[in-house]
Amino acid sequence: MDTLQIELKGISKHFGNIHAVDDITLKIEKGSILSIVGPSGCGKTTLLRLIAGFESPDRGELQIGGSPIWSKDYSMPVQERNIGMIFQDGALFPHLNVKQNIGFAVSENVDSLLNLVGLVGKETSMPHELSGGEQQRVALARSLAANPSTLLLDEPFSNLDIQIRREIRTEVRSILKSYNVTAIFVTHDQQEASEMGDQIAIMKDGAIEQIGNPEEVYVNPQTEFTAKFFSQANLVDGTLQKKTLKTFISETDLSIDKNMNGNMKLVIHPNQLIIESVSDSKKMNGTVRNQIFQGNEYFYTIELENKEIVNVLQSNKQPIEPNTPVKITYTPGKSVICFQEGAQKQFKVNQ
C-alpha cells in the first residue's frame, strides 16, 4: 500500500533574480508532520504557497496522494487540492462567532471539533474576545472541518507568548496525529521544529540543506550551515595530523585506517565544553564575554586566546561572571564530525 502523500520533484520559483525556491525535491509520508525551519527569507512560505496553489512554480512537478497537482502542462485549481492552510494570525472571519467560523464551509461535525480543540463553552464568542491561542484553535478546527488530506501551517504560533506556544504546539501535534493529517509546519524556531515534526527540513537560500528526524539532524549535521543554525554548534578550527585532531583547546586521537592530514572545522556542541574559572594565567585559554541565565543552566560566550569565539552551555551553582579568565576543555563522544572544505567527515574516537 502506497504511504506517500506529498511529493515534490525539482520545484523552483524565481522572483526576478531571487531564487525563492531552488530545485526542491522531497517526499512526505501520509499522516506525518514535516517541519521546515530556516532563517527569514529562505523560501519557507513561498514553498507552502506553491503547494497550496497560491503561486505557480517555474518548473518541476507536484503530487498529492499520487495525483499531479502541478506540472508544466497542468495546474489543479486551488479549491480542488483538498489542502488546508493556517496562517500566523489565524485569518478568522471577524463578524462570525466561534461556531460559525468553524462551520463556515462544512456544517457537520462542528460540535465534535469544538470538543477536540477545547473550545466547548466558547461557541458564541467573537474572535476579538478570544486569546491568541484560542484563535489558533478555531483556525485549526475550521481547517479540519473540511477534512483536508494535507494541512499547511505557516508559523501559526509566532504571535503567541512563549508559554502558550509550548502548550498549543503540543496540543496541535496531538490533534493532527489523531486525525492522521499529513502536515507541513513552517517555523524559524529550532525547538518548535523539533517538537512538532516527525521529520525536519533545514532550508537556506531556497534550497533544502538537510532532511531527517530531529535527533539525526542535530547529532549528524551534513552541512556547516545545519551545524550552526539548527544544532547551534561551534565550528572550531583544527588540524588533523597523524590521526590526531588538534584544536586550540583540545587534542583528540582518532581511530582511522590511514593517516589523513589537513585543516578541519570540528563540530562541538555547547554542552560538550566545560569551563572553570582560573586565577593562574598560565592555565587560562579563554575569557567569558557574556553570560545568559537559562533556568538550570547558563549560556556562556567565550573568547579563546586565539580570538575564536565559542558558546558553552553549563550548569553552575555559582555563575561565572563576564571578563573572568577560564580554562575550557572539550569532552568528545564516541565520534566526531568535521568539515573539510565544506565536506562532512565523521571519525571514531580512540577511547
Protein backbone atom coordinates (compact mmCIF):
# COMPACT_ATOMS: atom_id res chain seq x y z
CA MET A 1 0.00 0.00 0.00
CA ASP A 2 1.38 3.39 -1.00
CA THR A 3 2.02 5.57 2.04
CA LEU A 4 3.33 8.58 0.13
CA GLN A 5 1.15 11.70 0.45
CA ILE A 6 3.18 14.64 -0.89
CA GLU A 7 5.93 14.55 -3.49
CA LEU A 8 7.89 17.47 -4.91
CA LYS A 9 10.20 16.94 -7.87
CA GLY A 10 12.63 19.71 -8.77
CA ILE A 11 10.29 22.53 -7.74
CA SER A 12 11.68 26.01 -8.40
CA LYS A 13 10.32 29.54 -8.16
CA HIS A 14 12.17 32.73 -9.04
CA PHE A 15 11.13 36.33 -8.48
CA GLY A 16 13.40 38.24 -10.79
CA ASN A 17 16.95 37.40 -9.74
CA ILE A 18 15.82 35.94 -6.41
CA HIS A 19 15.78 32.14 -6.24
CA ALA A 20 12.97 31.87 -3.65
CA VAL A 21 12.67 28.08 -4.11
CA ASP A 22 15.51 26.35 -5.88
CA ASP A 23 15.15 22.80 -7.23
CA ILE A 24 13.48 21.22 -4.19
CA THR A 25 12.74 17.51 -4.19
CA LEU A 26 11.16 15.81 -1.19
CA LYS A 27 8.65 13.15 -0.14
CA ILE A 28 6.26 13.23 2.82
CA GLU A 29 4.50 10.13 4.12
CA LYS A 30 0.78 10.02 4.91
CA GLY A 31 -0.04 11.10 8.45
CA SER A 32 3.44 12.51 9.10
CA ILE A 33 4.42 16.05 10.05
CA LEU A 34 7.32 17.75 8.29
CA SER A 35 8.79 20.81 9.99
CA ILE A 36 10.54 23.25 7.69
CA VAL A 37 12.91 25.54 9.55
CA GLY A 38 15.23 28.24 8.32
CA PRO A 39 16.04 31.93 8.65
CA SER A 40 13.74 34.66 7.37
CA GLY A 41 13.76 34.90 3.59
CA CYS A 42 14.95 31.34 2.95
CA GLY A 43 11.80 30.40 0.97
CA LYS A 44 9.70 28.53 3.56
CA THR A 45 6.47 30.43 3.00
CA THR A 46 6.92 30.51 -0.78
CA LEU A 47 7.20 26.72 -0.77
CA LEU A 48 3.89 26.43 1.12
CA ARG A 49 2.21 28.83 -1.31
CA LEU A 50 3.39 26.72 -4.25
CA ILE A 51 1.91 23.58 -2.71
CA ALA A 52 -1.35 25.36 -1.85
CA GLY A 53 -1.64 26.80 -5.36
CA PHE A 54 -1.37 30.50 -4.42
CA GLU A 55 1.77 30.68 -6.58
CA SER A 56 2.82 28.64 -9.61
CA PRO A 57 6.28 27.07 -9.89
CA ASP A 58 8.60 27.93 -12.75
CA ARG A 59 9.40 24.26 -13.20
CA GLY A 60 9.13 20.87 -11.53
CA GLU A 61 6.25 18.61 -10.52
CA LEU A 62 3.90 18.49 -7.53
CA GLN A 63 1.85 15.45 -6.50
CA ILE A 64 -0.56 14.83 -3.64
CA GLY A 65 -1.83 11.34 -2.95
CA GLY A 66 -0.18 10.11 -6.13
CA SER A 67 -2.13 12.56 -8.30
CA PRO A 68 -0.49 15.51 -10.07
CA ILE A 69 -1.50 18.96 -8.87
CA TRP A 70 1.09 20.91 -10.87
CA SER A 71 3.36 20.27 -13.82
CA LYS A 72 4.42 22.26 -16.85
CA ASP A 73 1.24 21.08 -18.60
CA TYR A 74 -1.28 21.10 -15.77
CA SER A 75 -2.29 23.12 -12.71
CA MET A 76 -5.05 21.87 -10.41
CA PRO A 77 -7.28 24.72 -9.15
CA VAL A 78 -6.71 25.71 -5.51
CA GLN A 79 -10.21 24.69 -4.42
CA GLU A 80 -9.75 21.16 -5.76
CA ARG A 81 -6.47 20.37 -3.97
CA ASN A 82 -8.09 19.45 -0.64
CA ILE A 83 -5.42 21.40 1.23
CA GLY A 84 -6.00 23.40 4.39
CA MET A 85 -3.79 26.30 5.45
CA ILE A 86 -3.33 28.08 8.76
CA PHE A 87 -1.60 31.46 8.84
CA GLN A 88 0.19 33.41 11.57
CA ASP A 89 -2.91 35.38 12.56
CA GLY A 90 -5.46 32.58 12.09
CA ALA A 91 -7.36 34.68 9.48
CA LEU A 92 -10.71 34.23 11.23
CA PHE A 93 -13.86 35.95 9.98
CA PRO A 94 -14.26 38.83 12.47
CA HIS A 95 -18.06 39.05 12.04
CA LEU A 96 -18.65 35.34 12.78
CA ASN A 97 -18.57 33.67 16.19
CA VAL A 98 -16.51 30.58 17.01
CA LYS A 99 -19.07 28.03 15.90
CA GLN A 100 -19.86 29.93 12.71
CA ASN A 101 -16.16 30.24 11.84
CA ILE A 102 -15.59 26.51 12.27
CA GLY A 103 -18.72 25.57 10.31
CA PHE A 104 -18.30 28.19 7.58
CA ALA A 105 -17.65 25.69 4.79
CA VAL A 106 -18.91 22.44 6.36
CA SER A 107 -21.69 22.34 8.96
CA GLU A 108 -21.20 18.72 10.03
CA ASN A 109 -19.02 17.65 12.92
CA VAL A 110 -18.67 21.16 14.37
CA ASP A 111 -19.56 20.13 17.92
CA SER A 112 -17.00 17.32 17.99
CA LEU A 113 -14.34 19.70 16.65
CA LEU A 114 -15.18 22.22 19.37
CA ASN A 115 -14.59 19.49 21.91
CA LEU A 116 -11.42 18.34 20.17
CA VAL A 117 -9.78 21.79 20.32
CA GLY A 118 -11.03 22.55 23.83
CA LEU A 119 -13.46 25.35 22.98
CA VAL A 120 -16.73 23.97 24.38
CA GLY A 121 -18.45 26.91 26.04
CA LYS A 122 -16.91 29.41 23.60
CA GLU A 123 -19.32 28.71 20.73
CA THR A 124 -20.85 32.20 20.66
CA SER A 125 -17.65 34.13 21.39
CA MET A 126 -16.42 36.51 18.72
CA PRO A 127 -12.80 36.34 17.51
CA HIS A 128 -11.82 39.59 19.28
CA GLU A 129 -13.00 38.08 22.57
CA LEU A 130 -10.57 35.15 22.30
CA SER A 131 -6.93 34.86 23.30
CA GLY A 132 -4.32 34.31 20.61
CA GLY A 133 -4.13 30.61 21.46
CA GLU A 134 -7.90 30.23 21.29
CA GLN A 135 -7.99 31.96 17.91
CA GLN A 136 -5.47 29.47 16.54
CA ARG A 137 -7.54 26.58 17.93
CA VAL A 138 -10.53 27.94 15.99
CA ALA A 139 -8.39 28.21 12.84
CA LEU A 140 -7.26 24.60 13.30
CA ALA A 141 -10.81 23.34 13.84
CA ARG A 142 -12.04 25.26 10.78
CA SER A 143 -9.30 23.69 8.65
CA LEU A 144 -10.05 20.19 9.94
CA ALA A 145 -13.79 20.64 9.33
CA ALA A 146 -13.14 20.43 5.59
CA ASN A 147 -11.38 17.06 6.12
CA PRO A 148 -8.23 18.05 4.21
CA SER A 149 -5.74 15.44 3.08
CA THR A 150 -2.93 17.92 3.74
CA LEU A 151 -2.58 20.82 6.17
CA LEU A 152 -0.07 23.64 5.75
CA LEU A 153 0.84 25.71 8.82
CA ASP A 154 2.78 28.93 8.24
CA GLU A 155 4.36 29.97 11.56
CA PRO A 156 0.95 29.74 13.28
CA PHE A 157 2.30 30.33 16.78
CA SER A 158 4.72 33.19 16.13
CA ASN A 159 2.37 35.84 17.58
CA LEU A 160 1.84 33.96 20.86
CA ASP A 161 3.86 34.30 24.03
CA ILE A 162 6.36 31.58 24.91
CA GLN A 163 4.30 29.64 27.45
CA ILE A 164 1.19 29.50 25.26
CA ARG A 165 3.32 28.48 22.26
CA ARG A 166 4.66 25.50 24.19
CA GLU A 167 1.20 24.40 25.26
CA ILE A 168 -0.58 24.83 21.96
CA ARG A 169 2.05 23.15 19.79
CA THR A 170 1.80 20.05 21.96
CA GLU A 171 -1.98 20.13 21.60
CA VAL A 172 -1.88 20.78 17.85
CA ARG A 173 0.56 17.94 17.21
CA SER A 174 -1.68 15.57 19.19
CA ILE A 175 -4.76 16.69 17.24
CA LEU A 176 -3.05 16.31 13.87
CA LYS A 177 -1.93 12.81 14.80
CA SER A 178 -5.42 11.84 15.96
CA TYR A 179 -6.82 12.99 12.60
CA ASN A 180 -3.96 11.32 10.67
CA VAL A 181 -3.50 14.53 8.69
CA THR A 182 -0.33 15.00 6.66
CA ALA A 183 1.09 18.38 7.64
CA ILE A 184 3.88 20.76 6.74
CA PHE A 185 4.78 23.08 9.58
CA VAL A 186 6.91 26.16 8.87
CA THR A 187 8.84 27.93 11.61
CA HIS A 188 12.09 29.79 12.25
CA ASP A 189 12.31 28.30 15.77
CA GLN A 190 14.56 25.22 16.02
CA GLN A 191 12.97 23.96 19.25
CA GLU A 192 9.48 24.32 17.81
CA ALA A 193 10.52 22.46 14.66
CA SER A 194 11.88 19.58 16.76
CA GLU A 195 8.77 19.32 18.93
CA MET A 196 6.32 19.42 16.02
CA GLY A 197 7.99 17.43 13.26
CA ASP A 198 8.48 13.73 12.65
CA GLN A 199 10.99 14.95 10.09
CA ILE A 200 12.79 18.27 9.80
CA ALA A 201 13.91 20.02 6.63
CA ILE A 202 16.55 22.73 7.01
CA MET A 203 16.21 25.47 4.38
CA LYS A 204 18.74 28.04 3.23
CA ASP A 205 18.56 30.35 0.22
CA GLY A 206 15.62 28.50 -1.32
CA ALA A 207 17.16 25.03 -1.06
CA ILE A 208 16.96 22.18 1.44
CA GLU A 209 20.27 21.68 3.23
CA GLN A 210 19.27 18.51 5.08
CA ILE A 211 16.22 16.46 5.96
CA GLY A 212 15.83 13.83 8.67
CA ASN A 213 14.36 13.18 12.09
CA PRO A 214 15.17 15.81 14.74
CA GLU A 215 17.80 13.76 16.59
CA GLU A 216 19.54 12.74 13.37
CA VAL A 217 19.77 16.31 12.10
CA TYR A 218 21.04 17.59 15.46
CA VAL A 219 23.62 14.87 16.03
CA ASN A 220 24.73 14.41 12.43
CA PRO A 221 24.60 17.74 10.57
CA GLN A 222 25.52 17.30 6.92
CA THR A 223 26.50 20.92 6.24
CA GLU A 224 28.20 23.71 8.15
CA PHE A 225 25.01 25.77 7.96
CA THR A 226 22.93 22.99 9.56
CA ALA A 227 25.54 22.55 12.28
CA LYS A 228 25.46 26.23 13.21
CA PHE A 229 21.81 27.11 12.56
CA PHE A 230 19.96 24.03 13.76
CA SER A 231 22.43 22.28 16.07
CA GLN A 232 23.75 25.67 17.27
CA ALA A 233 27.17 24.04 17.37
CA ASN A 234 30.60 25.62 17.47
CA LEU A 235 32.81 25.15 14.41
CA VAL A 236 36.32 25.21 15.81
CA ASP A 237 39.40 25.43 13.61
CA GLY A 238 41.55 22.30 13.78
CA THR A 239 44.33 20.41 12.07
CA LEU A 240 44.43 16.66 11.51
CA GLN A 241 47.91 15.15 11.58
CA LYS A 242 48.93 11.54 12.15
CA LYS A 243 45.47 10.53 13.40
CA THR A 244 45.35 13.36 15.95
CA LEU A 245 42.92 16.24 15.57
CA LYS A 246 44.37 19.33 17.21
CA THR A 247 42.41 22.49 18.05
CA PHE A 248 43.35 25.40 20.27
CA ILE A 249 41.56 23.74 23.21
CA SER A 250 42.00 20.02 22.57
CA GLU A 251 43.83 17.09 21.07
CA THR A 252 41.66 14.13 20.06
CA ASP A 253 43.06 10.79 18.92
CA LEU A 254 41.00 9.32 16.10
CA SER A 255 40.51 5.75 15.03
CA ILE A 256 41.17 5.92 11.30
CA ASP A 257 42.71 3.39 8.95
CA LYS A 258 45.23 5.70 7.39
CA ASN A 259 46.87 8.99 8.09
CA MET A 260 44.83 11.95 6.93
CA ASN A 261 46.18 15.46 7.02
CA GLY A 262 44.70 18.87 6.55
CA ASN A 263 42.72 21.68 8.10
CA MET A 264 39.33 20.82 9.56
CA LYS A 265 36.44 22.53 11.30
CA LEU A 266 35.44 20.45 14.33
CA VAL A 267 31.75 20.43 15.31
CA ILE A 268 31.43 20.94 19.07
CA HIS A 269 28.05 21.26 20.74
CA PRO A 270 27.86 23.83 23.56
CA ASN A 271 27.25 21.09 26.16
CA GLN A 272 30.46 19.29 25.13
CA LEU A 273 32.57 22.12 26.54
CA ILE A 274 33.37 22.66 30.20
CA ILE A 275 34.68 25.89 31.67
CA GLU A 276 36.12 26.70 35.08
CA SER A 277 37.44 29.99 36.38
CA VAL A 278 41.20 30.11 36.97
CA SER A 279 43.49 32.51 38.77
CA ASP A 280 46.69 31.22 37.16
CA SER A 281 47.11 32.95 33.80
CA LYS A 282 49.21 30.02 32.60
CA LYS A 283 46.15 27.72 32.83
CA MET A 284 43.66 30.01 31.13
CA ASN A 285 42.81 29.64 27.45
CA GLY A 286 39.72 31.84 27.25
CA THR A 287 37.72 34.70 28.76
CA VAL A 288 33.99 34.91 29.47
CA ARG A 289 32.49 37.63 27.29
CA ASN A 290 28.81 37.07 28.00
CA GLN A 291 26.62 35.06 30.34
CA ILE A 292 22.89 34.33 29.98
CA PHE A 293 20.82 32.62 32.67
CA GLN A 294 18.60 29.83 31.22
CA GLY A 295 16.88 28.24 34.19
CA ASN A 296 19.02 25.32 35.31
CA GLU A 297 21.87 26.30 33.01
CA TYR A 298 23.97 29.23 31.92
CA PHE A 299 24.81 30.01 28.32
CA TYR A 300 28.30 31.47 28.01
CA THR A 301 30.08 33.18 25.15
CA ILE A 302 33.82 32.60 25.46
CA GLU A 303 36.62 34.33 23.59
CA LEU A 304 39.56 31.98 23.26
CA GLU A 305 43.11 33.23 23.49
CA ASN A 306 43.47 32.72 19.73
CA LYS A 307 40.43 35.04 19.25
CA GLU A 308 37.97 32.28 18.25
CA ILE A 309 34.50 32.59 19.81
CA VAL A 310 32.72 29.54 21.24
CA ASN A 311 29.45 29.02 23.11
CA VAL A 312 29.17 26.87 26.22
CA LEU A 313 26.04 25.52 27.94
CA GLN A 314 26.79 24.54 31.52
CA SER A 315 25.11 24.03 34.88
CA ASN A 316 26.61 26.21 37.57
CA LYS A 317 25.57 26.74 41.16
CA GLN A 318 27.85 29.76 41.08
CA PRO A 319 27.76 31.55 37.72
CA ILE A 320 30.98 32.70 36.11
CA GLU A 321 30.88 36.42 35.52
CA PRO A 322 31.90 38.22 32.29
CA ASN A 323 35.60 39.09 31.92
CA THR A 324 36.57 36.10 34.08
CA PRO A 325 39.57 34.11 32.77
CA VAL A 326 38.66 30.44 32.31
CA LYS A 327 40.09 27.07 31.42
CA ILE A 328 37.95 25.47 28.73
CA THR A 329 38.08 21.76 27.95
CA TYR A 330 36.38 19.60 25.34
CA THR A 331 34.80 16.20 26.00
CA PRO A 332 34.21 14.33 22.72
CA GLY A 333 31.77 11.48 22.37
CA LYS A 334 32.46 8.19 20.62
CA SER A 335 32.80 10.01 17.31
CA VAL A 336 33.41 13.49 15.99
CA ILE A 337 32.10 15.35 12.97
CA CYS A 338 34.32 17.68 10.98
CA PHE A 339 34.09 19.69 7.80
CA GLN A 340 36.96 19.87 5.35
CA GLU A 341 36.44 22.41 2.57
CA GLY A 342 32.70 22.16 3.23
CA ALA A 343 32.54 18.35 3.00
CA GLN A 344 31.36 16.49 6.11
CA LYS A 345 33.61 13.83 7.60
CA GLN A 346 32.91 11.59 10.59
CA PHE A 347 35.63 9.89 12.62
CA LYS A 348 35.57 7.44 15.52
CA VAL A 349 37.43 8.49 18.64
CA ASN A 350 40.02 6.29 20.30
CA GLN A 351 38.62 5.70 23.78
